[in-house]
C-alpha atoms as a PDB file:
ATOM      1  CA  MET A   1       0.000   0.000   0.000  1.00  0.00           C
ATOM      2  CA  ALA A   2       1.325   3.434  -0.941  1.00  0.00           C
ATOM      3  CA  LYS A   3       2.332   5.650   1.962  1.00  0.00           C
ATOM      4  CA  LYS A   4      -0.146   8.446   2.598  1.00  0.00           C
ATOM      5  CA  ASN A   5       1.182  11.957   1.987  1.00  0.00           C
ATOM      6  CA  ALA A   6       1.551  13.846   5.273  1.00  0.00           C
ATOM      7  CA  LEU A   7      -0.441  16.770   3.870  1.00  0.00           C
ATOM      8  CA  GLU A   8      -3.304  14.777   2.391  1.00  0.00           C
ATOM      9  CA  GLY A   9      -6.642  15.981   3.739  1.00  0.00           C
ATOM     10  CA  ARG A  10      -5.011  18.676   5.891  1.00  0.00           C
ATOM     11  CA  LEU A  11      -6.412  22.199   5.807  1.00  0.00           C
ATOM     12  CA  VAL A  12      -3.671  24.746   5.111  1.00  0.00           C
ATOM     13  CA  VAL A  13      -4.504  28.446   5.378  1.00  0.00           C
ATOM     14  CA  LEU A  14      -2.484  30.723   3.093  1.00  0.00           C
ATOM     15  CA  VAL A  15      -2.649  34.245   4.493  1.00  0.00           C
ATOM     16  CA  GLY A  16      -1.987  36.578   1.586  1.00  0.00           C
ATOM     17  CA  GLY A  17      -2.035  33.594  -0.733  1.00  0.00           C
ATOM     18  CA  SER A  18      -3.603  35.110  -3.837  1.00  0.00           C
ATOM     19  CA  GLY A  19      -0.366  36.492  -5.309  1.00  0.00           C
ATOM     20  CA  PHE A  20       2.446  35.095  -7.419  1.00  0.00           C
ATOM     21  CA  PHE A  21       4.121  33.010  -4.700  1.00  0.00           C
ATOM     22  CA  GLY A  22       0.938  32.086  -2.847  1.00  0.00           C
ATOM     23  CA  SER A  23      -0.645  30.706  -6.002  1.00  0.00           C
ATOM     24  CA  ARG A  24       2.350  28.431  -6.594  1.00  0.00           C
ATOM     25  CA  ILE A  25       2.249  27.232  -2.990  1.00  0.00           C
ATOM     26  CA  ALA A  26      -1.455  26.481  -3.383  1.00  0.00           C
ATOM     27  CA  GLN A  27      -0.777  24.419  -6.511  1.00  0.00           C
ATOM     28  CA  GLU A  28       1.956  22.452  -4.741  1.00  0.00           C
ATOM     29  CA  LEU A  29      -0.259  21.737  -1.737  1.00  0.00           C
ATOM     30  CA  LEU A  30      -3.229  20.743  -3.897  1.00  0.00           C
ATOM     31  CA  SER A  31      -1.017  18.308  -5.817  1.00  0.00           C
ATOM     32  CA  GLN A  32      -0.233  16.638  -2.481  1.00  0.00           C
ATOM     33  CA  GLY A  33      -3.885  16.282  -1.517  1.00  0.00           C
ATOM     34  CA  ALA A  34      -4.088  19.116   0.992  1.00  0.00           C
ATOM     35  CA  ARG A  35      -7.129  21.321   1.357  1.00  0.00           C
ATOM     36  CA  VAL A  36      -6.270  24.975   0.834  1.00  0.00           C
ATOM     37  CA  ARG A  37      -7.956  28.079   2.190  1.00  0.00           C
ATOM     38  CA  ILE A  38      -6.727  31.292   0.588  1.00  0.00           C
ATOM     39  CA  ALA A  39      -7.230  34.153   3.027  1.00  0.00           C
ATOM     40  CA  GLY A  40      -6.783  37.761   2.006  1.00  0.00           C
ATOM     41  CA  ARG A  41      -8.380  41.034   1.058  1.00  0.00           C
ATOM     42  CA  HIS A  42      -8.500  40.022  -2.594  1.00  0.00           C
ATOM     43  CA  GLY A  43      -9.117  36.297  -2.581  1.00  0.00           C
ATOM     44  CA  GLU A  44     -10.915  36.650  -5.909  1.00  0.00           C
ATOM     45  CA  HIS A  45      -7.494  37.055  -7.525  1.00  0.00           C
ATOM     46  CA  ALA A  46      -6.947  33.360  -6.836  1.00  0.00           C
ATOM     47  CA  PHE A  47     -10.281  32.070  -8.174  1.00  0.00           C
ATOM     48  CA  ARG A  48      -8.352  30.673 -11.140  1.00  0.00           C
ATOM     49  CA  LEU A  49      -6.990  27.984  -8.800  1.00  0.00           C
ATOM     50  CA  LYS A  50     -10.387  26.493  -7.989  1.00  0.00           C
ATOM     51  CA  PRO A  51     -10.498  24.110 -10.994  1.00  0.00           C
ATOM     52  CA  LEU A  52      -7.175  22.595  -9.839  1.00  0.00           C
ATOM     53  CA  GLY A  53      -8.774  21.072  -6.765  1.00  0.00           C
ATOM     54  CA  ASN A  54     -11.536  18.557  -6.166  1.00  0.00           C
ATOM     55  CA  LEU A  55     -14.915  19.565  -4.792  1.00  0.00           C
ATOM     56  CA  GLY A  56     -14.354  21.537  -1.588  1.00  0.00           C
ATOM     57  CA  GLN A  57     -10.553  21.279  -1.774  1.00  0.00           C
ATOM     58  CA  VAL A  58     -10.074  25.015  -2.444  1.00  0.00           C
ATOM     59  CA  GLN A  59     -11.650  27.582  -0.134  1.00  0.00           C
ATOM     60  CA  PHE A  60     -11.551  31.361   0.064  1.00  0.00           C
ATOM     61  CA  ALA A  61     -11.864  33.538   3.157  1.00  0.00           C
ATOM     62  CA  PRO A  62     -11.898  37.330   3.499  1.00  0.00           C
ATOM     63  CA  CYS A  63      -9.052  38.411   5.751  1.00  0.00           C
ATOM     64  CA  ASP A  64      -7.544  41.743   6.772  1.00  0.00           C
ATOM     65  CA  VAL A  65      -4.394  41.104   8.795  1.00  0.00           C
ATOM     66  CA  THR A  66      -4.792  44.437  10.589  1.00  0.00           C
ATOM     67  CA  ARG A  67      -8.055  43.122  12.131  1.00  0.00           C
ATOM     68  CA  PRO A  68      -7.502  40.329  14.704  1.00  0.00           C
ATOM     69  CA  ALA A  69     -11.076  39.041  14.463  1.00  0.00           C
ATOM     70  CA  SER A  70     -10.666  38.629  10.716  1.00  0.00           C
ATOM     71  CA  ILE A  71      -7.547  36.511  11.163  1.00  0.00           C
ATOM     72  CA  THR A  72      -9.174  34.394  13.870  1.00  0.00           C
ATOM     73  CA  ALA A  73     -12.112  33.616  11.594  1.00  0.00           C
ATOM     74  CA  ALA A  74      -9.827  32.676   8.696  1.00  0.00           C
ATOM     75  CA  MET A  75      -7.849  30.247  10.892  1.00  0.00           C
ATOM     76  CA  GLN A  76     -10.828  28.217  12.127  1.00  0.00           C
ATOM     77  CA  GLY A  77     -10.146  24.511  11.641  1.00  0.00           C
ATOM     78  CA  ALA A  78      -6.629  25.039  10.289  1.00  0.00           C
ATOM     79  CA  ASP A  79      -4.147  22.182  10.489  1.00  0.00           C
ATOM     80  CA  ALA A  80      -1.347  24.430   9.216  1.00  0.00           C
ATOM     81  CA  ALA A  81      -0.809  27.965   7.959  1.00  0.00           C
ATOM     82  CA  VAL A  82       1.548  30.062   5.857  1.00  0.00           C
ATOM     83  CA  TYR A  83       1.970  33.823   6.223  1.00  0.00           C
ATOM     84  CA  LEU A  84       2.901  35.523   2.948  1.00  0.00           C
ATOM     85  CA  VAL A  85       1.845  39.139   3.436  1.00  0.00           C
ATOM     86  CA  GLY A  86       4.571  41.653   2.632  1.00  0.00           C
ATOM     87  CA  ALA A  87       5.045  45.189   1.357  1.00  0.00           C
ATOM     88  CA  PHE A  88       7.778  47.714   0.607  1.00  0.00           C
ATOM     89  CA  ALA A  89       5.633  50.743   1.443  1.00  0.00           C
ATOM     90  CA  GLY A  90       2.581  51.733   3.429  1.00  0.00           C
ATOM     91  CA  GLU A  91       1.697  49.939   6.667  1.00  0.00           C
ATOM     92  CA  VAL A  92       4.816  47.784   6.593  1.00  0.00           C
ATOM     93  CA  GLU A  93       4.982  47.260  10.372  1.00  0.00           C
ATOM     94  CA  ALA A  94       1.319  46.291  10.550  1.00  0.00           C
ATOM     95  CA  LEU A  95       1.610  43.852   7.657  1.00  0.00           C
ATOM     96  CA  GLN A  96       4.994  42.200   8.125  1.00  0.00           C
ATOM     97  CA  ARG A  97       5.339  42.317  11.906  1.00  0.00           C
ATOM     98  CA  ASP A  98       2.049  42.764  13.746  1.00  0.00           C
ATOM     99  CA  GLY A  99      -0.113  40.804  11.323  1.00  0.00           C
ATOM    100  CA  ALA A 100       2.366  37.930  11.289  1.00  0.00           C
ATOM    101  CA  GLY A 101       2.284  37.679  15.078  1.00  0.00           C
ATOM    102  CA  LEU A 102      -1.513  37.794  15.139  1.00  0.00           C
ATOM    103  CA  ALA A 103      -1.736  35.075  12.486  1.00  0.00           C
ATOM    104  CA  ALA A 104       0.699  32.805  14.347  1.00  0.00           C
ATOM    105  CA  LYS A 105      -1.265  33.251  17.578  1.00  0.00           C
ATOM    106  CA  ALA A 106      -4.579  32.562  15.839  1.00  0.00           C
ATOM    107  CA  ALA A 107      -3.162  29.470  14.134  1.00  0.00           C
ATOM    108  CA  ARG A 108      -1.868  28.051  17.403  1.00  0.00           C
ATOM    109  CA  THR A 109      -5.188  28.751  19.145  1.00  0.00           C
ATOM    110  CA  ALA A 110      -7.009  27.001  16.295  1.00  0.00           C
ATOM    111  CA  GLY A 111      -4.876  23.905  16.872  1.00  0.00           C
ATOM    112  CA  ALA A 112      -2.593  24.143  13.853  1.00  0.00           C
ATOM    113  CA  GLN A 113       0.461  21.897  14.033  1.00  0.00           C
ATOM    114  CA  ALA A 114       2.645  23.775  11.556  1.00  0.00           C
ATOM    115  CA  PHE A 115       3.236  27.404  10.614  1.00  0.00           C
ATOM    116  CA  VAL A 116       5.555  28.886   7.988  1.00  0.00           C
ATOM    117  CA  TYR A 117       6.502  32.556   7.884  1.00  0.00           C
ATOM    118  CA  ILE A 118       7.802  33.844   4.568  1.00  0.00           C
ATOM    119  CA  SER A 119      10.582  36.261   5.472  1.00  0.00           C
ATOM    120  CA  ALA A 120      13.408  37.356   3.165  1.00  0.00           C
ATOM    121  CA  ILE A 121      17.155  37.010   2.753  1.00  0.00           C
ATOM    122  CA  GLY A 122      18.652  40.060   4.440  1.00  0.00           C
ATOM    123  CA  ALA A 123      16.056  40.249   7.216  1.00  0.00           C
ATOM    124  CA  ASN A 124      17.761  42.146  10.054  1.00  0.00           C
ATOM    125  CA  ALA A 125      16.191  43.649  13.161  1.00  0.00           C
ATOM    126  CA  GLU A 126      18.947  46.299  13.236  1.00  0.00           C
ATOM    127  CA  SER A 127      18.548  47.370   9.605  1.00  0.00           C
ATOM    128  CA  ASP A 128      17.728  50.941   8.616  1.00  0.00           C
ATOM    129  CA  VAL A 129      15.574  49.549   5.802  1.00  0.00           C
ATOM    130  CA  ARG A 130      11.973  49.156   6.952  1.00  0.00           C
ATOM    131  CA  TYR A 131      11.371  46.103   4.801  1.00  0.00           C
ATOM    132  CA  ALA A 132      14.370  44.173   6.146  1.00  0.00           C
ATOM    133  CA  ARG A 133      13.794  45.318   9.731  1.00  0.00           C
ATOM    134  CA  THR A 134      10.090  44.440   9.850  1.00  0.00           C
ATOM    135  CA  LYS A 135      10.688  41.055   8.238  1.00  0.00           C
ATOM    136  CA  ALA A 136      13.056  40.239  11.111  1.00  0.00           C
ATOM    137  CA  GLU A 137      10.588  41.632  13.643  1.00  0.00           C
ATOM    138  CA  GLY A 138       7.913  39.492  12.027  1.00  0.00           C
ATOM    139  CA  GLU A 139      10.087  36.427  12.539  1.00  0.00           C
ATOM    140  CA  GLN A 140      10.400  37.279  16.230  1.00  0.00           C
ATOM    141  CA  ALA A 141       6.662  37.887  16.594  1.00  0.00           C
ATOM    142  CA  VAL A 142       5.835  34.578  14.917  1.00  0.00           C
ATOM    143  CA  LEU A 143       8.252  32.527  17.021  1.00  0.00           C
ATOM    144  CA  SER A 144       6.997  34.198  20.186  1.00  0.00           C
ATOM    145  CA  ALA A 145       3.414  33.175  19.396  1.00  0.00           C
ATOM    146  CA  PHE A 146       4.198  29.838  17.692  1.00  0.00           C
ATOM    147  CA  PRO A 147       7.627  28.533  18.831  1.00  0.00           C
ATOM    148  CA  GLY A 148       7.432  25.586  16.438  1.00  0.00           C
ATOM    149  CA  ALA A 149       7.054  27.763  13.361  1.00  0.00           C
ATOM    150  CA  THR A 150       9.448  27.503  10.416  1.00  0.00           C
ATOM    151  CA  ILE A 151      11.027  30.660   9.018  1.00  0.00           C
ATOM    152  CA  LEU A 152      11.861  30.653   5.314  1.00  0.00           C
ATOM    153  CA  ARG A 153      14.051  33.426   3.935  1.00  0.00           C
ATOM    154  CA  PRO A 154      13.851  33.239   0.133  1.00  0.00           C
ATOM    155  CA  SER A 155      15.987  35.135  -2.332  1.00  0.00           C
ATOM    156  CA  VAL A 156      14.280  36.924  -5.225  1.00  0.00           C
ATOM    157  CA  LEU A 157      11.815  34.544  -6.892  1.00  0.00           C
ATOM    158  CA  PHE A 158      11.453  34.016 -10.613  1.00  0.00           C
ATOM    159  CA  GLY A 159       8.804  32.293 -12.698  1.00  0.00           C
ATOM    160  CA  GLU A 160       7.215  32.434 -16.129  1.00  0.00           C
ATOM    161  CA  ASP A 161       4.583  34.941 -14.967  1.00  0.00           C
ATOM    162  CA  ASP A 162       6.664  36.880 -12.430  1.00  0.00           C
ATOM    163  CA  HIS A 163       7.091  40.649 -12.153  1.00  0.00           C
ATOM    164  CA  PHE A 164      10.882  40.399 -11.940  1.00  0.00           C
ATOM    165  CA  ILE A 165      12.274  38.708 -15.044  1.00  0.00           C
ATOM    166  CA  ASN A 166       9.339  39.946 -17.097  1.00  0.00           C
ATOM    167  CA  MET A 167       9.905  43.566 -16.085  1.00  0.00           C
ATOM    168  CA  PHE A 168      13.452  43.443 -17.468  1.00  0.00           C
ATOM    169  CA  ALA A 169      12.330  41.393 -20.467  1.00  0.00           C
ATOM    170  CA  GLY A 170       9.733  43.997 -21.448  1.00  0.00           C
ATOM    171  CA  LEU A 171      12.203  46.856 -21.157  1.00  0.00           C
ATOM    172  CA  ILE A 172      14.867  45.024 -23.132  1.00  0.00           C
ATOM    173  CA  ALA A 173      12.376  44.242 -25.890  1.00  0.00           C
ATOM    174  CA  ALA A 174      11.267  47.891 -26.077  1.00  0.00           C
ATOM    175  CA  LEU A 175      14.447  49.924 -25.600  1.00  0.00           C
ATOM    176  CA  PRO A 176      17.673  49.891 -27.646  1.00  0.00           C
ATOM    177  CA  VAL A 177      19.640  51.219 -24.654  1.00  0.00           C
ATOM    178  CA  LEU A 178      18.773  50.149 -21.128  1.00  0.00           C
ATOM    179  CA  PRO A 179      20.063  51.597 -17.838  1.00  0.00           C
ATOM    180  CA  VAL A 180      21.185  48.988 -15.303  1.00  0.00           C
ATOM    181  CA  PHE A 181      20.827  49.930 -11.640  1.00  0.00           C
ATOM    182  CA  GLY A 182      23.438  48.397  -9.345  1.00  0.00           C
ATOM    183  CA  PRO A 183      25.155  46.465 -12.161  1.00  0.00           C
ATOM    184  CA  GLU A 184      27.511  44.701  -9.732  1.00  0.00           C
ATOM    185  CA  ALA A 185      24.786  43.866  -7.200  1.00  0.00           C
ATOM    186  CA  ARG A 186      24.691  40.108  -6.650  1.00  0.00           C
ATOM    187  CA  LEU A 187      21.491  38.046  -6.818  1.00  0.00           C
ATOM    188  CA  GLN A 188      20.791  34.359  -6.290  1.00  0.00           C
ATOM    189  CA  PRO A 189      17.377  33.986  -7.990  1.00  0.00           C
ATOM    190  CA  LEU A 190      15.214  31.041  -6.944  1.00  0.00           C
ATOM    191  CA  PHE A 191      12.624  29.275  -9.091  1.00  0.00           C
ATOM    192  CA  VAL A 192       9.242  29.889  -7.480  1.00  0.00           C
ATOM    193  CA  ASP A 193       8.193  26.239  -7.786  1.00  0.00           C
ATOM    194  CA  ASP A 194      11.268  25.177  -5.793  1.00  0.00           C
ATOM    195  CA  ALA A 195      10.370  27.729  -3.123  1.00  0.00           C
ATOM    196  CA  ALA A 196       6.797  26.407  -3.029  1.00  0.00           C
ATOM    197  CA  ARG A 197       8.164  22.901  -2.584  1.00  0.00           C
ATOM    198  CA  ALA A 198      10.211  24.130   0.390  1.00  0.00           C
ATOM    199  CA  VAL A 199       7.046  25.444   2.032  1.00  0.00           C
ATOM    200  CA  ALA A 200       5.303  22.110   1.540  1.00  0.00           C
ATOM    201  CA  VAL A 201       8.242  20.171   3.004  1.00  0.00           C
ATOM    202  CA  ALA A 202       8.287  22.387   6.095  1.00  0.00           C
ATOM    203  CA  LEU A 203       4.525  22.015   6.589  1.00  0.00           C
ATOM    204  CA  ALA A 204       4.611  18.257   6.127  1.00  0.00           C
ATOM    205  CA  ASP A 205       7.266  17.676   8.804  1.00  0.00           C
ATOM    206  CA  PRO A 206       7.120  20.326  11.554  1.00  0.00           C
ATOM    207  CA  GLY A 207       8.876  17.909  13.883  1.00  0.00           C
ATOM    208  CA  SER A 208      12.044  18.201  11.798  1.00  0.00           C
ATOM    209  CA  HIS A 209      11.742  21.767  10.523  1.00  0.00           C
ATOM    210  CA  GLY A 210       9.755  23.593  13.181  1.00  0.00           C
ATOM    211  CA  GLY A 211      11.608  26.270  15.143  1.00  0.00           C
ATOM    212  CA  ARG A 212      14.283  26.544  12.452  1.00  0.00           C
ATOM    213  CA  THR A 213      15.241  29.245   9.966  1.00  0.00           C
ATOM    214  CA  TYR A 214      16.232  28.440   6.380  1.00  0.00           C
ATOM    215  CA  GLU A 215      17.771  30.640   3.719  1.00  0.00           C
ATOM    216  CA  ILE A 216      16.502  29.339   0.401  1.00  0.00           C
ATOM    217  CA  ALA A 217      18.233  30.530  -2.752  1.00  0.00           C
ATOM    218  CA  GLY A 218      18.944  29.414  -6.293  1.00  0.00           C
ATOM    219  CA  PRO A 219      22.033  27.514  -7.409  1.00  0.00           C
ATOM    220  CA  GLN A 220      23.707  30.406  -9.226  1.00  0.00           C
ATOM    221  CA  VAL A 221      24.877  33.900  -8.236  1.00  0.00           C
ATOM    222  CA  LEU A 222      24.412  36.551 -10.926  1.00  0.00           C
ATOM    223  CA  THR A 223      25.102  40.251 -11.024  1.00  0.00           C
ATOM    224  CA  MET A 224      22.387  42.581 -12.271  1.00  0.00           C
ATOM    225  CA  ALA A 225      24.460  43.247 -15.389  1.00  0.00           C
ATOM    226  CA  GLU A 226      24.830  39.522 -16.098  1.00  0.00           C
ATOM    227  CA  LEU A 227      21.101  38.964 -15.602  1.00  0.00           C
ATOM    228  CA  ASN A 228      20.191  41.651 -18.128  1.00  0.00           C
ATOM    229  CA  ARG A 229      22.635  40.285 -20.675  1.00  0.00           C
ATOM    230  CA  LYS A 230      21.238  36.765 -20.293  1.00  0.00           C
ATOM    231  CA  ILE A 231      17.693  37.992 -20.842  1.00  0.00           C
ATOM    232  CA  ALA A 232      18.730  39.933 -23.954  1.00  0.00           C
ATOM    233  CA  ALA A 233      20.551  36.893 -25.328  1.00  0.00           C
ATOM    234  CA  ALA A 234      17.511  34.680 -24.749  1.00  0.00           C
ATOM    235  CA  GLN A 235      15.436  37.176 -26.715  1.00  0.00           C
ATOM    236  CA  GLY A 236      17.943  37.204 -29.532  1.00  0.00           C
ATOM    237  CA  ARG A 237      18.408  40.953 -29.207  1.00  0.00           C
ATOM    238  CA  LYS A 238      21.605  42.975 -29.308  1.00  0.00           C
ATOM    239  CA  ARG A 239      21.251  45.682 -26.700  1.00  0.00           C
ATOM    240  CA  ALA A 240      23.447  48.367 -25.197  1.00  0.00           C
ATOM    241  CA  PHE A 241      23.411  48.534 -21.410  1.00  0.00           C
ATOM    242  CA  ALA A 242      24.272  51.709 -19.517  1.00  0.00           C
ATOM    243  CA  GLU A 243      25.644  50.480 -16.199  1.00  0.00           C
ATOM    244  CA  LEU A 244      24.855  53.259 -13.736  1.00  0.00           C
ATOM    245  CA  PRO A 245      27.176  54.084 -10.822  1.00  0.00           C
ATOM    246  CA  ASP A 246      25.740  53.627  -7.341  1.00  0.00           C
ATOM    247  CA  TRP A 247      25.260  57.348  -6.746  1.00  0.00           C
ATOM    248  CA  ALA A 248      23.130  57.653  -9.891  1.00  0.00           C
ATOM    249  CA  SER A 249      21.025  54.617  -8.961  1.00  0.00           C
ATOM    250  CA  LYS A 250      20.409  55.972  -5.487  1.00  0.00           C
ATOM    251  CA  ALA A 251      19.540  59.412  -6.826  1.00  0.00           C
ATOM    252  CA  PHE A 252      17.047  57.884  -9.270  1.00  0.00           C
ATOM    253  CA  ALA A 253      15.408  55.907  -6.455  1.00  0.00           C
ATOM    254  CA  ALA A 254      15.213  58.990  -4.244  1.00  0.00           C
ATOM    255  CA  LEU A 255      13.683  61.150  -6.974  1.00  0.00           C
ATOM    256  CA  THR A 256      11.181  58.672  -8.417  1.00  0.00           C
ATOM    257  CA  GLY A 257      10.762  55.876  -5.871  1.00  0.00           C
ATOM    258  CA  TRP A 258       7.725  57.470  -4.234  1.00  0.00           C
ATOM    259  CA  LEU A 259       5.756  57.457  -7.505  1.00  0.00           C
ATOM    260  CA  PRO A 260       3.136  54.715  -8.085  1.00  0.00           C
ATOM    261  CA  GLY A 261       4.647  51.954 -10.191  1.00  0.00           C
ATOM    262  CA  ALA A 262       8.203  53.273  -9.839  1.00  0.00           C
ATOM    263  CA  PRO A 263      10.756  50.585 -10.791  1.00  0.00           C
ATOM    264  CA  LEU A 264      13.001  51.270  -7.787  1.00  0.00           C
ATOM    265  CA  SER A 265      12.302  52.715  -4.331  1.00  0.00           C
ATOM    266  CA  LEU A 266      14.960  53.778  -1.835  1.00  0.00           C
ATOM    267  CA  ASP A 267      14.346  50.672   0.263  1.00  0.00           C
ATOM    268  CA  GLN A 268      14.602  48.458  -2.809  1.00  0.00           C
ATOM    269  CA  TRP A 269      17.813  50.198  -3.814  1.00  0.00           C
ATOM    270  CA  ALA A 270      19.295  49.637  -0.352  1.00  0.00           C
ATOM    271  CA  LEU A 271      18.409  45.947  -0.540  1.00  0.00           C
ATOM    272  CA  LEU A 272      19.807  45.668  -4.070  1.00  0.00           C
ATOM    273  CA  GLU A 273      23.039  47.379  -3.065  1.00  0.00           C
ATOM    274  CA  ALA A 274      23.449  44.949  -0.147  1.00  0.00           C
ATOM    275  CA  GLY A 275      22.923  41.979  -2.467  1.00  0.00           C
ATOM    276  CA  ASN A 276      20.419  39.145  -2.342  1.00  0.00           C
ATOM    277  CA  THR A 277      22.491  36.041  -1.775  1.00  0.00           C
ATOM    278  CA  SER A 278      22.574  33.393   0.908  1.00  0.00           C
ATOM    279  CA  SER A 279      24.733  34.315   3.889  1.00  0.00           C
ATOM    280  CA  GLY A 280      25.575  30.704   4.675  1.00  0.00           C
ATOM    281  CA  ALA A 281      24.617  31.274   8.312  1.00  0.00           C
ATOM    282  CA  PHE A 282      21.487  29.123   8.005  1.00  0.00           C
ATOM    283  CA  PRO A 283      20.660  25.801   6.357  1.00  0.00           C
ATOM    284  CA  GLY A 284      19.338  25.988   2.814  1.00  0.00           C
ATOM    285  CA  LEU A 285      17.336  23.960   0.345  1.00  0.00           C
ATOM    286  CA  LYS A 286      19.644  20.966   0.630  1.00  0.00           C
ATOM    287  CA  ALA A 287      18.535  20.550   4.246  1.00  0.00           C
ATOM    288  CA  LEU A 288      14.959  20.411   2.950  1.00  0.00           C
ATOM    289  CA  GLY A 289      15.841  17.770   0.369  1.00  0.00           C
ATOM    290  CA  ILE A 290      15.444  20.113  -2.610  1.00  0.00           C
ATOM    291  CA  ALA A 291      17.842  20.636  -5.527  1.00  0.00           C
ATOM    292  CA  PRO A 292      17.096  24.121  -6.932  1.00  0.00           C
ATOM    293  CA  ARG A 293      16.845  24.618 -10.688  1.00  0.00           C
ATOM    294  CA  PRO A 294      18.783  27.399 -12.471  1.00  0.00           C
ATOM    295  CA  LEU A 295      17.247  30.241 -14.458  1.00  0.00           C
ATOM    296  CA  GLU A 296      18.957  29.079 -17.662  1.00  0.00           C
ATOM    297  CA  LEU A 297      16.819  25.931 -17.605  1.00  0.00           C
ATOM    298  CA  PHE A 298      13.755  28.020 -18.443  1.00  0.00           C
ATOM    299  CA  LEU A 299      14.876  31.368 -19.843  1.00  0.00           C
ATOM    300  CA  ASP A 300      15.112  30.554 -23.569  1.00  0.00           C
ATOM    301  CA  ARG A 301      11.595  29.091 -23.589  1.00  0.00           C
ATOM    302  CA  TRP A 302      10.079  31.926 -21.555  1.00  0.00           C
ATOM    303  CA  MET A 303      11.641  34.627 -23.735  1.00  0.00           C
ATOM    304  CA  VAL A 304      10.105  33.336 -26.965  1.00  0.00           C
ATOM    305  CA  ARG A 305       7.195  35.794 -26.723  1.00  0.00           C
ATOM    306  CA  TYR A 306       9.651  38.698 -26.430  1.00  0.00           C
ATOM    307  CA  ARG A 307      11.687  37.747 -29.498  1.00  0.00           C
ATOM    308  CA  PRO A 308      11.325  39.593 -32.788  1.00  0.00           C
ATOM    309  CA  HIS A 309       8.433  37.784 -34.546  1.00  0.00           C
ATOM    310  CA  GLY A 310       8.034  35.517 -31.491  1.00  0.00           C
ATOM    311  CA  ARG A 311       8.237  31.806 -32.234  1.00  0.00           C
ATOM    312  CA  PHE A 312       8.022  32.473 -35.955  1.00  0.00           C
ATOM    313  CA  GLY A 313      11.419  34.166 -36.147  1.00  0.00           C
ATOM    314  CA  THR A 314      13.787  32.170 -38.322  1.00  0.00           C
ATOM    315  CA  ASP A 315      16.963  33.192 -36.525  1.00  0.00           C
ATOM    316  CA  PRO A 316      16.102  34.845 -33.193  1.00  0.00           C
ATOM    317  CA  ARG A 317      19.750  35.276 -32.242  1.00  0.00           C
ATOM    318  CA  ALA A 318      20.620  37.367 -35.266  1.00  0.00           C
ATOM    319  CA  ILE A 319      19.005  40.686 -34.326  1.00  0.00           C
END
């Protein structure tokens, strides 16, 4: 008889689970037989996931993490939970710190056996950057309320429908000359499906992974300049890149970062300048039994739609 999956039939609440990462986690959990409740202010953004589950396997719950009663209601009957809410601006403390602590407390009260907090590489309670500081404070709040929680600190995530690779891809396709902010900044991009698998592993075995912090990152370190060149090559486009000095990048972020839809805020610039690579101070994906896949495995296929004439181009590398 086949061994039953540890997550099969379990109800996992994904707080803030309607976005890019949350949707991939939901798909991973559904594939393992878990029941998933997506809790957030805009759960309708995840309605597309409903056909992936059996009858009753996918649920939706309204949830505002700044309202304790809302979180308590969303956690009713939970066997496990994941907290994904994050922001670079606005009520950052309320979302990344206070809300995380409230969710962990509500999950424990509801009888959940596992809790995962999605933090970030570079989380630091002493940081001057609000994002990094409140992520670390969120970790502390979660562990205070749910000592057996697992903290995952992912590097920047990439996927076919992400807002990271595709932002650069769109600019490269449109502009003959492209400015590169922080060209020497080092990244260790992680495939979103590998990150989702890490969440599932932590939820399935809280006895082994509870109370621990993991830095999860991809297998390759790239600079921002190298990343842009790889994307251009995958599109078959010859592009000129203007690698901006740090002072120019910072000035651009200061002048435009407050605008809606700005490509780079001051906090994002500070994080980029510091780099987004594993520190080596915590266990990584290997400790979770996961071999991360590199960006190059997917990039050529994903960039087809950005190539001149798309898939109908006869020699996409020639332009």
